[in-house]
Amino acid sequence: MAHSDDEAQRSRWQRIYDVVRRIPPGRVATYGQVAALAGYPGHARHVGYALHALPDGTAVPWHRVVNAQGRISPRRSGRGWEIEQRMRLEQEGIPVGTGGRLSLQHYRWRA
């Protein structure tokens, strides 16, 4: 049974990663938006768990996912991920203000 649960989780995460890969450079999506587009409305935390599980150096553009208030939410603690996310977003032309906040009105991806 645990093996089946692991496969289900991997499948769920793969659907989440597929949505995140579709977010174009210069745009962001919220955790809740990604969850809904992946077929899991109301499960924004699953998106956070999936992004947290990504290996270093991944090609999945995890930095384009922000919280519902338009703020950076750390992918991992204690390793400078917030700084990296800010840098990646700013390199794509998305200004990140004080407290890691950006304008969802201007930069939200419309899928």
N, C-alpha and C. Protein backbone atom coordinates (compact mmCIF):
# COMPACT_ATOMS: atom_id res chain seq x y z
N MET A 1 0.83 -1.20 0.00
CA MET A 1 0.00 0.00 0.00
C MET A 1 0.87 1.26 0.00
N ALA A 2 1.95 1.27 0.77
CA ALA A 2 2.82 2.44 0.82
C ALA A 2 3.43 2.72 -0.54
N HIS A 3 3.76 1.65 -1.28
CA HIS A 3 4.33 1.82 -2.62
C HIS A 3 3.34 2.57 -3.52
N SER A 4 2.09 2.19 -3.45
CA SER A 4 1.04 2.85 -4.23
C SER A 4 0.89 4.32 -3.81
N ASP A 5 0.99 4.58 -2.52
CA ASP A 5 0.91 5.96 -2.02
C ASP A 5 2.07 6.80 -2.56
N ASP A 6 3.27 6.20 -2.59
CA ASP A 6 4.43 6.91 -3.13
C ASP A 6 4.24 7.24 -4.60
N GLU A 7 3.70 6.28 -5.35
CA GLU A 7 3.45 6.51 -6.78
C GLU A 7 2.41 7.60 -6.98
N ALA A 8 1.37 7.60 -6.15
CA ALA A 8 0.34 8.63 -6.25
C ALA A 8 0.93 10.00 -5.95
N GLN A 9 1.79 10.07 -4.94
CA GLN A 9 2.43 11.34 -4.61
C GLN A 9 3.32 11.81 -5.75
N ARG A 10 4.10 10.92 -6.32
CA ARG A 10 4.97 11.29 -7.45
C ARG A 10 4.14 11.78 -8.63
N SER A 11 3.02 11.12 -8.88
CA SER A 11 2.13 11.53 -9.97
C SER A 11 1.56 12.91 -9.70
N ARG A 12 1.13 13.15 -8.47
CA ARG A 12 0.58 14.45 -8.08
C ARG A 12 1.65 15.53 -8.24
N TRP A 13 2.86 15.25 -7.75
CA TRP A 13 3.94 16.23 -7.87
C TRP A 13 4.29 16.48 -9.32
N GLN A 14 4.27 15.44 -10.15
CA GLN A 14 4.59 15.62 -11.57
C GLN A 14 3.58 16.55 -12.23
N ARG A 15 2.31 16.42 -11.88
CA ARG A 15 1.29 17.33 -12.42
C ARG A 15 1.56 18.76 -11.98
N ILE A 16 1.98 18.93 -10.74
CA ILE A 16 2.32 20.26 -10.23
C ILE A 16 3.52 20.81 -10.99
N TYR A 17 4.57 20.00 -11.15
CA TYR A 17 5.77 20.45 -11.87
C TYR A 17 5.44 20.82 -13.32
N ASP A 18 4.53 20.06 -13.94
CA ASP A 18 4.14 20.37 -15.32
C ASP A 18 3.49 21.75 -15.41
N VAL A 19 2.66 22.10 -14.43
CA VAL A 19 2.05 23.43 -14.42
C VAL A 19 3.11 24.50 -14.20
N VAL A 20 4.00 24.29 -13.24
CA VAL A 20 5.04 25.29 -12.94
C VAL A 20 5.92 25.52 -14.16
N ARG A 21 6.21 24.47 -14.92
CA ARG A 21 7.02 24.62 -16.13
C ARG A 21 6.34 25.51 -17.18
N ARG A 22 5.03 25.61 -17.13
CA ARG A 22 4.28 26.42 -18.10
C ARG A 22 4.28 27.92 -17.77
N ILE A 23 4.66 28.28 -16.55
CA ILE A 23 4.68 29.71 -16.17
C ILE A 23 5.81 30.37 -16.97
N PRO A 24 5.47 31.36 -17.78
CA PRO A 24 6.51 31.97 -18.62
C PRO A 24 7.44 32.89 -17.82
N PRO A 25 8.64 33.10 -18.33
CA PRO A 25 9.55 34.06 -17.70
C PRO A 25 8.86 35.42 -17.59
N GLY A 26 9.11 36.10 -16.48
CA GLY A 26 8.51 37.42 -16.27
C GLY A 26 7.11 37.36 -15.70
N ARG A 27 6.64 36.17 -15.35
CA ARG A 27 5.31 35.99 -14.75
C ARG A 27 5.44 35.11 -13.52
N VAL A 28 4.46 35.23 -12.63
CA VAL A 28 4.41 34.38 -11.44
C VAL A 28 3.01 33.79 -11.31
N ALA A 29 2.91 32.75 -10.53
CA ALA A 29 1.63 32.15 -10.17
C ALA A 29 1.65 31.92 -8.67
N THR A 30 0.47 31.86 -8.08
CA THR A 30 0.40 31.57 -6.65
C THR A 30 0.34 30.06 -6.43
N TYR A 31 0.64 29.66 -5.22
CA TYR A 31 0.56 28.24 -4.87
C TYR A 31 -0.84 27.71 -5.15
N GLY A 32 -1.86 28.48 -4.77
CA GLY A 32 -3.23 28.06 -4.99
C GLY A 32 -3.59 27.97 -6.46
N GLN A 33 -3.09 28.90 -7.24
CA GLN A 33 -3.33 28.89 -8.69
C GLN A 33 -2.72 27.64 -9.32
N VAL A 34 -1.48 27.32 -8.94
CA VAL A 34 -0.82 26.12 -9.46
C VAL A 34 -1.60 24.87 -9.05
N ALA A 35 -2.02 24.82 -7.80
CA ALA A 35 -2.79 23.66 -7.32
C ALA A 35 -4.05 23.47 -8.15
N ALA A 36 -4.78 24.55 -8.38
CA ALA A 36 -6.02 24.46 -9.15
C ALA A 36 -5.75 24.01 -10.58
N LEU A 37 -4.74 24.57 -11.21
CA LEU A 37 -4.42 24.20 -12.59
C LEU A 37 -3.93 22.75 -12.70
N ALA A 38 -3.33 22.24 -11.62
CA ALA A 38 -2.86 20.85 -11.61
C ALA A 38 -3.99 19.87 -11.30
N GLY A 39 -5.17 20.41 -10.97
CA GLY A 39 -6.31 19.55 -10.66
C GLY A 39 -6.52 19.30 -9.19
N TYR A 40 -5.89 20.13 -8.35
CA TYR A 40 -6.00 19.98 -6.90
C TYR A 40 -6.45 21.28 -6.24
N PRO A 41 -7.61 21.81 -6.63
CA PRO A 41 -8.04 23.09 -6.04
C PRO A 41 -8.15 22.99 -4.53
N GLY A 42 -7.71 24.05 -3.87
CA GLY A 42 -7.76 24.08 -2.41
C GLY A 42 -6.60 23.37 -1.74
N HIS A 43 -5.62 22.95 -2.52
CA HIS A 43 -4.48 22.21 -1.95
C HIS A 43 -3.15 22.91 -2.24
N ALA A 44 -3.11 24.20 -1.94
CA ALA A 44 -1.89 24.98 -2.18
C ALA A 44 -0.69 24.40 -1.44
N ARG A 45 -0.93 23.82 -0.28
CA ARG A 45 0.20 23.26 0.48
C ARG A 45 0.88 22.12 -0.26
N HIS A 46 0.12 21.37 -1.04
CA HIS A 46 0.74 20.30 -1.83
C HIS A 46 1.77 20.87 -2.80
N VAL A 47 1.48 22.04 -3.33
CA VAL A 47 2.43 22.70 -4.23
C VAL A 47 3.70 23.05 -3.46
N GLY A 48 3.54 23.57 -2.26
CA GLY A 48 4.70 23.89 -1.43
C GLY A 48 5.54 22.66 -1.13
N TYR A 49 4.88 21.55 -0.79
CA TYR A 49 5.60 20.30 -0.51
C TYR A 49 6.36 19.83 -1.75
N ALA A 50 5.69 19.89 -2.90
CA ALA A 50 6.32 19.44 -4.14
C ALA A 50 7.53 20.30 -4.49
N LEU A 51 7.40 21.61 -4.36
CA LEU A 51 8.52 22.49 -4.68
C LEU A 51 9.66 22.31 -3.69
N HIS A 52 9.32 22.08 -2.44
CA HIS A 52 10.34 21.84 -1.42
C HIS A 52 11.16 20.59 -1.75
N ALA A 53 10.53 19.61 -2.38
CA ALA A 53 11.18 18.34 -2.68
C ALA A 53 12.08 18.39 -3.91
N LEU A 54 12.03 19.48 -4.67
CA LEU A 54 12.86 19.57 -5.87
C LEU A 54 14.34 19.53 -5.52
N PRO A 55 15.12 18.84 -6.32
CA PRO A 55 16.57 18.81 -6.06
C PRO A 55 17.24 20.13 -6.46
N ASP A 56 18.38 20.39 -5.87
CA ASP A 56 19.17 21.56 -6.28
C ASP A 56 19.47 21.45 -7.77
N GLY A 57 19.47 22.58 -8.45
CA GLY A 57 19.80 22.59 -9.87
C GLY A 57 18.67 22.16 -10.79
N THR A 58 17.48 22.03 -10.26
CA THR A 58 16.34 21.60 -11.08
C THR A 58 16.04 22.60 -12.19
N ALA A 59 15.46 22.10 -13.28
CA ALA A 59 15.04 22.96 -14.38
C ALA A 59 13.62 23.50 -14.15
N VAL A 60 12.93 22.99 -13.15
CA VAL A 60 11.57 23.48 -12.85
C VAL A 60 11.70 24.89 -12.29
N PRO A 61 11.02 25.87 -12.89
CA PRO A 61 11.17 27.27 -12.45
C PRO A 61 10.39 27.57 -11.16
N TRP A 62 10.78 26.94 -10.08
CA TRP A 62 10.13 27.07 -8.78
C TRP A 62 10.05 28.51 -8.31
N HIS A 63 10.99 29.33 -8.75
CA HIS A 63 11.05 30.72 -8.30
C HIS A 63 9.86 31.55 -8.78
N ARG A 64 9.10 31.04 -9.73
CA ARG A 64 7.95 31.78 -10.26
C ARG A 64 6.67 31.53 -9.47
N VAL A 65 6.77 30.83 -8.36
CA VAL A 65 5.60 30.55 -7.52
C VAL A 65 5.72 31.35 -6.23
N VAL A 66 4.68 32.13 -5.94
CA VAL A 66 4.66 33.00 -4.76
C VAL A 66 3.36 32.76 -3.99
N ASN A 67 3.29 33.32 -2.80
CA ASN A 67 2.06 33.11 -2.01
C ASN A 67 0.94 34.04 -2.48
N ALA A 68 -0.23 33.86 -1.91
CA ALA A 68 -1.43 34.58 -2.33
C ALA A 68 -1.35 36.09 -2.10
N GLN A 69 -0.43 36.53 -1.24
CA GLN A 69 -0.24 37.96 -1.01
C GLN A 69 0.82 38.55 -1.96
N GLY A 70 1.33 37.73 -2.86
CA GLY A 70 2.37 38.20 -3.78
C GLY A 70 3.72 38.30 -3.12
N ARG A 71 3.95 37.46 -2.14
CA ARG A 71 5.23 37.46 -1.42
C ARG A 71 6.00 36.18 -1.68
N ILE A 72 7.31 36.31 -1.62
CA ILE A 72 8.19 35.16 -1.70
C ILE A 72 7.99 34.32 -0.45
N SER A 73 7.82 33.02 -0.66
CA SER A 73 7.75 32.07 0.45
C SER A 73 8.94 31.15 0.31
N PRO A 74 9.75 31.04 1.35
CA PRO A 74 10.97 30.25 1.22
C PRO A 74 10.70 28.81 0.84
N ARG A 75 11.47 28.32 -0.12
CA ARG A 75 11.38 26.93 -0.55
C ARG A 75 12.04 26.02 0.48
N ARG A 76 13.10 26.48 1.04
CA ARG A 76 13.81 25.77 2.10
C ARG A 76 14.34 26.80 3.07
N SER A 77 14.53 26.39 4.30
CA SER A 77 15.01 27.35 5.29
C SER A 77 16.52 27.32 5.41
N GLY A 78 17.08 28.45 5.76
CA GLY A 78 18.49 28.52 6.12
C GLY A 78 19.49 28.41 5.00
N ARG A 79 19.07 28.49 3.75
CA ARG A 79 20.03 28.32 2.67
C ARG A 79 20.01 29.45 1.65
N GLY A 80 19.38 30.55 1.99
CA GLY A 80 19.39 31.69 1.08
C GLY A 80 18.44 31.58 -0.10
N TRP A 81 17.43 30.72 0.02
CA TRP A 81 16.50 30.53 -1.10
C TRP A 81 15.70 31.80 -1.39
N GLU A 82 15.39 32.55 -0.37
CA GLU A 82 14.63 33.78 -0.60
C GLU A 82 15.46 34.76 -1.44
N ILE A 83 16.73 34.84 -1.16
CA ILE A 83 17.62 35.72 -1.93
C ILE A 83 17.72 35.21 -3.36
N GLU A 84 17.87 33.90 -3.52
CA GLU A 84 17.96 33.33 -4.86
C GLU A 84 16.67 33.57 -5.64
N GLN A 85 15.51 33.38 -4.98
CA GLN A 85 14.24 33.59 -5.66
C GLN A 85 14.11 35.05 -6.09
N ARG A 86 14.44 35.96 -5.20
CA ARG A 86 14.40 37.39 -5.52
C ARG A 86 15.29 37.68 -6.73
N MET A 87 16.51 37.18 -6.72
CA MET A 87 17.44 37.43 -7.82
C MET A 87 16.90 36.88 -9.14
N ARG A 88 16.37 35.67 -9.10
CA ARG A 88 15.84 35.07 -10.33
C ARG A 88 14.65 35.87 -10.87
N LEU A 89 13.77 36.28 -9.98
CA LEU A 89 12.61 37.07 -10.42
C LEU A 89 13.05 38.41 -10.99
N GLU A 90 13.98 39.07 -10.33
CA GLU A 90 14.45 40.36 -10.81
C GLU A 90 15.18 40.22 -12.14
N GLN A 91 15.90 39.11 -12.36
CA GLN A 91 16.56 38.87 -13.65
C GLN A 91 15.53 38.72 -14.76
N GLU A 92 14.32 38.30 -14.41
CA GLU A 92 13.24 38.15 -15.39
C GLU A 92 12.40 39.43 -15.50
N GLY A 93 12.83 40.49 -14.83
CA GLY A 93 12.15 41.77 -14.93
C GLY A 93 11.03 42.00 -13.94
N ILE A 94 10.96 41.18 -12.90
CA ILE A 94 9.92 41.34 -11.88
C ILE A 94 10.55 41.99 -10.66
N PRO A 95 10.22 43.26 -10.39
CA PRO A 95 10.79 43.90 -9.21
C PRO A 95 10.16 43.33 -7.93
N VAL A 96 11.02 43.05 -6.97
CA VAL A 96 10.57 42.51 -5.69
C VAL A 96 10.88 43.56 -4.64
N GLY A 97 9.83 44.01 -3.96
CA GLY A 97 9.98 45.08 -3.00
C GLY A 97 10.31 44.60 -1.59
N THR A 98 10.13 45.51 -0.67
CA THR A 98 10.38 45.25 0.73
C THR A 98 9.55 44.06 1.21
N GLY A 99 10.17 43.22 2.00
CA GLY A 99 9.46 42.05 2.53
C GLY A 99 9.21 40.97 1.50
N GLY A 100 9.90 41.04 0.35
CA GLY A 100 9.73 40.02 -0.67
C GLY A 100 8.42 40.09 -1.42
N ARG A 101 7.84 41.27 -1.48
CA ARG A 101 6.53 41.42 -2.12
C ARG A 101 6.67 41.92 -3.55
N LEU A 102 5.80 41.39 -4.41
CA LEU A 102 5.74 41.84 -5.80
C LEU A 102 4.28 42.07 -6.19
N SER A 103 4.07 42.67 -7.33
CA SER A 103 2.72 43.02 -7.77
C SER A 103 2.08 41.86 -8.54
N LEU A 104 1.15 41.18 -7.88
CA LEU A 104 0.40 40.13 -8.58
C LEU A 104 -0.45 40.74 -9.69
N GLN A 105 -0.93 41.95 -9.47
CA GLN A 105 -1.75 42.62 -10.48
C GLN A 105 -1.00 42.73 -11.81
N HIS A 106 0.29 43.02 -11.74
CA HIS A 106 1.08 43.22 -12.95
C HIS A 106 1.76 41.96 -13.46
N TYR A 107 2.11 41.04 -12.58
CA TYR A 107 2.96 39.93 -12.98
C TYR A 107 2.33 38.54 -12.89
N ARG A 108 1.06 38.47 -12.45
CA ARG A 108 0.41 37.16 -12.36
C ARG A 108 0.22 36.57 -13.77
N TRP A 109 0.54 35.31 -13.87
CA TRP A 109 0.34 34.56 -15.11
C TRP A 109 -1.14 34.27 -15.27
N ARG A 110 -1.64 34.54 -16.45
CA ARG A 110 -3.04 34.23 -16.78
C ARG A 110 -3.03 33.00 -17.66
N ALA A 111 -3.24 31.86 -17.06
CA ALA A 111 -3.19 30.58 -17.79
C ALA A 111 -4.39 30.41 -18.69
